[in-house]
Amino acid sequence: MSDRRYRQQSYRSGGAGKPDQREPSRPPSGTFGILRSRATSRCAECGAVLPITADSLTQCPHCRAALHTCRQCAHFDTARRFECTQDIAERIADKRALNDCVRFSLMVTVERDTSAGVVRPEEARRSFGNLFKK
């Protein structure tokens, strides 16, 4: 009788020197289930979507808030020294005020694209009915 309690294979089983012979994983054949995303920039005050090329803009088109501010910058981090990830000489007191920082870079985030188009009620009913057809 074997000194092993269980029948399952383990690292003690024979073939200790063999590397694992698995096939490399393949990416999915289609894009089913993969969410579409887009790069956007939003105003820190009102949340309005800004064009990504908003470097030339000085104010938000919706709320007229200044865009060249610390809160709109990609380097803004409240946990860092002077609330900036870049090495700056002095702290900028008002993070919402317009400043002339040379390291400013507009914050761009990746958001899920939910604009799948307009779904009409007839299409929804038809697809629901198709679920139960034989």
C-alpha atoms as a PDB file:
ATOM      1  CA  MET A   1       0.000   0.000   0.000  1.00  0.00           C
ATOM      2  CA  SER A   2       1.153   3.498  -0.807  1.00  0.00           C
ATOM      3  CA  ASP A   3       2.083   5.991   1.883  1.00  0.00           C
ATOM      4  CA  ARG A   4      -0.148   8.610   0.243  1.00  0.00           C
ATOM      5  CA  ARG A   5      -3.550   9.312   1.737  1.00  0.00           C
ATOM      6  CA  TYR A   6      -5.234  10.750  -1.327  1.00  0.00           C
ATOM      7  CA  ARG A   7      -5.344   9.746  -4.970  1.00  0.00           C
ATOM      8  CA  GLN A   8      -4.849  13.266  -6.301  1.00  0.00           C
ATOM      9  CA  GLN A   9      -1.658  14.207  -8.089  1.00  0.00           C
ATOM     10  CA  SER A  10       0.693  16.559  -6.302  1.00  0.00           C
ATOM     11  CA  TYR A  11       4.171  17.937  -6.589  1.00  0.00           C
ATOM     12  CA  ARG A  12       5.462  14.733  -4.978  1.00  0.00           C
ATOM     13  CA  SER A  13       4.056  12.590  -7.777  1.00  0.00           C
ATOM     14  CA  GLY A  14       6.355  11.182 -10.435  1.00  0.00           C
ATOM     15  CA  GLY A  15       7.776  13.417 -13.151  1.00  0.00           C
ATOM     16  CA  ALA A  16       9.144  16.101 -10.879  1.00  0.00           C
ATOM     17  CA  GLY A  17      11.420  17.488 -13.574  1.00  0.00           C
ATOM     18  CA  LYS A  18       8.730  17.929 -16.247  1.00  0.00           C
ATOM     19  CA  PRO A  19       7.602  21.453 -17.063  1.00  0.00           C
ATOM     20  CA  ASP A  20       3.894  22.077 -17.398  1.00  0.00           C
ATOM     21  CA  GLN A  21       2.803  21.234 -20.961  1.00  0.00           C
ATOM     22  CA  ARG A  22      -0.207  23.529 -21.369  1.00  0.00           C
ATOM     23  CA  GLU A  23      -1.266  25.213 -24.556  1.00  0.00           C
ATOM     24  CA  PRO A  24      -0.907  28.978 -24.521  1.00  0.00           C
ATOM     25  CA  SER A  25      -4.219  30.709 -24.005  1.00  0.00           C
ATOM     26  CA  ARG A  26      -5.758  32.253 -27.089  1.00  0.00           C
ATOM     27  CA  PRO A  27      -7.663  35.509 -27.156  1.00  0.00           C
ATOM     28  CA  PRO A  28     -11.416  35.213 -27.700  1.00  0.00           C
ATOM     29  CA  SER A  29     -12.464  34.753 -31.314  1.00  0.00           C
ATOM     30  CA  GLY A  30     -14.922  37.639 -31.271  1.00  0.00           C
ATOM     31  CA  THR A  31     -15.456  40.767 -29.281  1.00  0.00           C
ATOM     32  CA  PHE A  32     -18.512  39.447 -27.487  1.00  0.00           C
ATOM     33  CA  GLY A  33     -18.508  40.633 -23.893  1.00  0.00           C
ATOM     34  CA  ILE A  34     -15.713  43.146 -24.371  1.00  0.00           C
ATOM     35  CA  LEU A  35     -16.802  46.634 -23.437  1.00  0.00           C
ATOM     36  CA  ARG A  36     -16.051  49.462 -25.782  1.00  0.00           C
ATOM     37  CA  SER A  37     -14.221  52.383 -24.267  1.00  0.00           C
ATOM     38  CA  ARG A  38     -13.211  55.885 -25.241  1.00  0.00           C
ATOM     39  CA  ALA A  39     -10.781  58.472 -23.960  1.00  0.00           C
ATOM     40  CA  THR A  40     -12.520  61.536 -22.560  1.00  0.00           C
ATOM     41  CA  SER A  41     -11.765  64.567 -20.494  1.00  0.00           C
ATOM     42  CA  ARG A  42     -14.293  66.084 -18.109  1.00  0.00           C
ATOM     43  CA  CYS A  43     -14.598  69.433 -16.381  1.00  0.00           C
ATOM     44  CA  ALA A  44     -13.731  69.127 -12.688  1.00  0.00           C
ATOM     45  CA  GLU A  45     -16.485  71.578 -11.732  1.00  0.00           C
ATOM     46  CA  CYS A  46     -19.556  70.555 -13.749  1.00  0.00           C
ATOM     47  CA  GLY A  47     -18.555  67.192 -15.252  1.00  0.00           C
ATOM     48  CA  ALA A  48     -19.194  68.247 -18.847  1.00  0.00           C
ATOM     49  CA  VAL A  49     -17.314  66.297 -21.510  1.00  0.00           C
ATOM     50  CA  LEU A  50     -14.488  68.346 -23.003  1.00  0.00           C
ATOM     51  CA  PRO A  51     -12.720  67.768 -26.294  1.00  0.00           C
ATOM     52  CA  ILE A  52      -9.411  65.972 -25.716  1.00  0.00           C
ATOM     53  CA  THR A  53      -7.650  68.713 -27.646  1.00  0.00           C
ATOM     54  CA  ALA A  54      -8.815  71.223 -25.033  1.00  0.00           C
ATOM     55  CA  ASP A  55      -5.275  72.502 -24.424  1.00  0.00           C
ATOM     56  CA  SER A  56      -6.205  75.664 -26.296  1.00  0.00           C
ATOM     57  CA  LEU A  57      -9.383  76.169 -24.240  1.00  0.00           C
ATOM     58  CA  THR A  58      -9.121  78.399 -21.185  1.00  0.00           C
ATOM     59  CA  GLN A  59     -12.681  77.953 -19.891  1.00  0.00           C
ATOM     60  CA  CYS A  60     -15.229  75.174 -19.776  1.00  0.00           C
ATOM     61  CA  PRO A  61     -17.845  75.820 -22.476  1.00  0.00           C
ATOM     62  CA  HIS A  62     -20.668  74.889 -20.070  1.00  0.00           C
ATOM     63  CA  CYS A  63     -19.867  76.419 -16.674  1.00  0.00           C
ATOM     64  CA  ARG A  64     -17.094  78.885 -17.646  1.00  0.00           C
ATOM     65  CA  ALA A  65     -14.705  77.449 -15.031  1.00  0.00           C
ATOM     66  CA  ALA A  66     -10.980  77.775 -15.704  1.00  0.00           C
ATOM     67  CA  LEU A  67      -9.434  74.662 -17.256  1.00  0.00           C
ATOM     68  CA  HIS A  68      -5.718  75.347 -16.667  1.00  0.00           C
ATOM     69  CA  THR A  69      -6.013  74.503 -12.963  1.00  0.00           C
ATOM     70  CA  CYS A  70      -4.491  71.916 -10.660  1.00  0.00           C
ATOM     71  CA  ARG A  71      -7.762  69.994 -10.387  1.00  0.00           C
ATOM     72  CA  GLN A  72      -7.860  69.514 -14.181  1.00  0.00           C
ATOM     73  CA  CYS A  73      -4.228  68.358 -14.357  1.00  0.00           C
ATOM     74  CA  ALA A  74      -3.181  64.736 -14.882  1.00  0.00           C
ATOM     75  CA  HIS A  75      -0.462  65.187 -12.233  1.00  0.00           C
ATOM     76  CA  PHE A  76      -2.880  66.300  -9.471  1.00  0.00           C
ATOM     77  CA  ASP A  77      -2.747  63.921  -6.479  1.00  0.00           C
ATOM     78  CA  THR A  78      -3.924  64.931  -3.009  1.00  0.00           C
ATOM     79  CA  ALA A  79      -1.688  62.346  -1.337  1.00  0.00           C
ATOM     80  CA  ARG A  80       1.560  63.774  -2.722  1.00  0.00           C
ATOM     81  CA  ARG A  81       3.716  66.674  -1.581  1.00  0.00           C
ATOM     82  CA  PHE A  82       2.198  69.980  -2.733  1.00  0.00           C
ATOM     83  CA  GLU A  83      -0.629  67.804  -4.145  1.00  0.00           C
ATOM     84  CA  CYS A  84       1.310  67.182  -7.363  1.00  0.00           C
ATOM     85  CA  THR A  85       3.185  64.145  -8.688  1.00  0.00           C
ATOM     86  CA  GLN A  86       5.729  66.413 -10.395  1.00  0.00           C
ATOM     87  CA  ASP A  87       8.560  68.153  -8.546  1.00  0.00           C
ATOM     88  CA  ILE A  88       7.418  71.748  -8.157  1.00  0.00           C
ATOM     89  CA  ALA A  89       9.197  74.464  -6.193  1.00  0.00           C
ATOM     90  CA  GLU A  90       6.227  75.831  -4.259  1.00  0.00           C
ATOM     91  CA  ARG A  91       2.677  74.856  -3.437  1.00  0.00           C
ATOM     92  CA  ILE A  92      -0.171  76.394  -5.406  1.00  0.00           C
ATOM     93  CA  ALA A  93      -2.699  77.414  -2.776  1.00  0.00           C
ATOM     94  CA  ASP A  94      -5.951  77.553  -4.757  1.00  0.00           C
ATOM     95  CA  LYS A  95      -6.330  74.376  -6.794  1.00  0.00           C
ATOM     96  CA  ARG A  96      -9.401  75.723  -8.629  1.00  0.00           C
ATOM     97  CA  ALA A  97      -7.812  78.977  -9.760  1.00  0.00           C
ATOM     98  CA  LEU A  98      -6.139  79.570 -13.110  1.00  0.00           C
ATOM     99  CA  ASN A  99      -2.365  79.078 -12.892  1.00  0.00           C
ATOM    100  CA  ASP A 100       0.631  79.161 -15.209  1.00  0.00           C
ATOM    101  CA  CYS A 101       2.224  75.815 -14.354  1.00  0.00           C
ATOM    102  CA  VAL A 102       4.467  74.621 -17.193  1.00  0.00           C
ATOM    103  CA  ARG A 103       3.940  70.954 -16.256  1.00  0.00           C
ATOM    104  CA  PHE A 104       0.169  71.120 -16.783  1.00  0.00           C
ATOM    105  CA  SER A 105      -1.337  68.245 -18.748  1.00  0.00           C
ATOM    106  CA  LEU A 106      -5.094  67.913 -19.192  1.00  0.00           C
ATOM    107  CA  MET A 107      -6.441  64.841 -17.382  1.00  0.00           C
ATOM    108  CA  VAL A 108      -7.753  62.257 -19.841  1.00  0.00           C
ATOM    109  CA  THR A 109      -9.657  59.229 -18.547  1.00  0.00           C
ATOM    110  CA  VAL A 110     -10.867  56.064 -20.248  1.00  0.00           C
ATOM    111  CA  GLU A 111     -14.606  55.604 -19.873  1.00  0.00           C
ATOM    112  CA  ARG A 112     -16.982  52.903 -21.001  1.00  0.00           C
ATOM    113  CA  ASP A 113     -18.742  53.853 -24.212  1.00  0.00           C
ATOM    114  CA  THR A 114     -22.452  53.463 -23.505  1.00  0.00           C
ATOM    115  CA  SER A 115     -23.710  55.089 -26.680  1.00  0.00           C
ATOM    116  CA  ALA A 116     -24.959  51.905 -28.344  1.00  0.00           C
ATOM    117  CA  GLY A 117     -27.575  53.825 -30.251  1.00  0.00           C
ATOM    118  CA  VAL A 118     -31.270  54.329 -29.792  1.00  0.00           C
ATOM    119  CA  VAL A 119     -33.210  51.122 -29.167  1.00  0.00           C
ATOM    120  CA  ARG A 120     -36.819  51.347 -30.201  1.00  0.00           C
ATOM    121  CA  PRO A 121     -39.512  49.621 -28.124  1.00  0.00           C
ATOM    122  CA  GLU A 122     -40.547  47.499 -31.125  1.00  0.00           C
ATOM    123  CA  GLU A 123     -37.020  46.108 -31.467  1.00  0.00           C
ATOM    124  CA  ALA A 124     -36.889  45.232 -27.776  1.00  0.00           C
ATOM    125  CA  ARG A 125     -40.249  43.441 -27.953  1.00  0.00           C
ATOM    126  CA  ARG A 126     -39.214  41.568 -31.102  1.00  0.00           C
ATOM    127  CA  SER A 127     -35.933  40.376 -29.592  1.00  0.00           C
ATOM    128  CA  PHE A 128     -37.741  39.335 -26.394  1.00  0.00           C
ATOM    129  CA  GLY A 129     -40.276  37.373 -28.437  1.00  0.00           C
ATOM    130  CA  ASN A 130     -37.476  35.689 -30.402  1.00  0.00           C
ATOM    131  CA  LEU A 131     -36.105  34.238 -27.189  1.00  0.00           C
ATOM    132  CA  PHE A 132     -39.110  31.950 -26.765  1.00  0.00           C
ATOM    133  CA  LYS A 133     -39.727  30.949 -30.394  1.00  0.00           C
ATOM    134  CA  LYS A 134     -39.012  27.408 -31.474  1.00  0.00           C
END
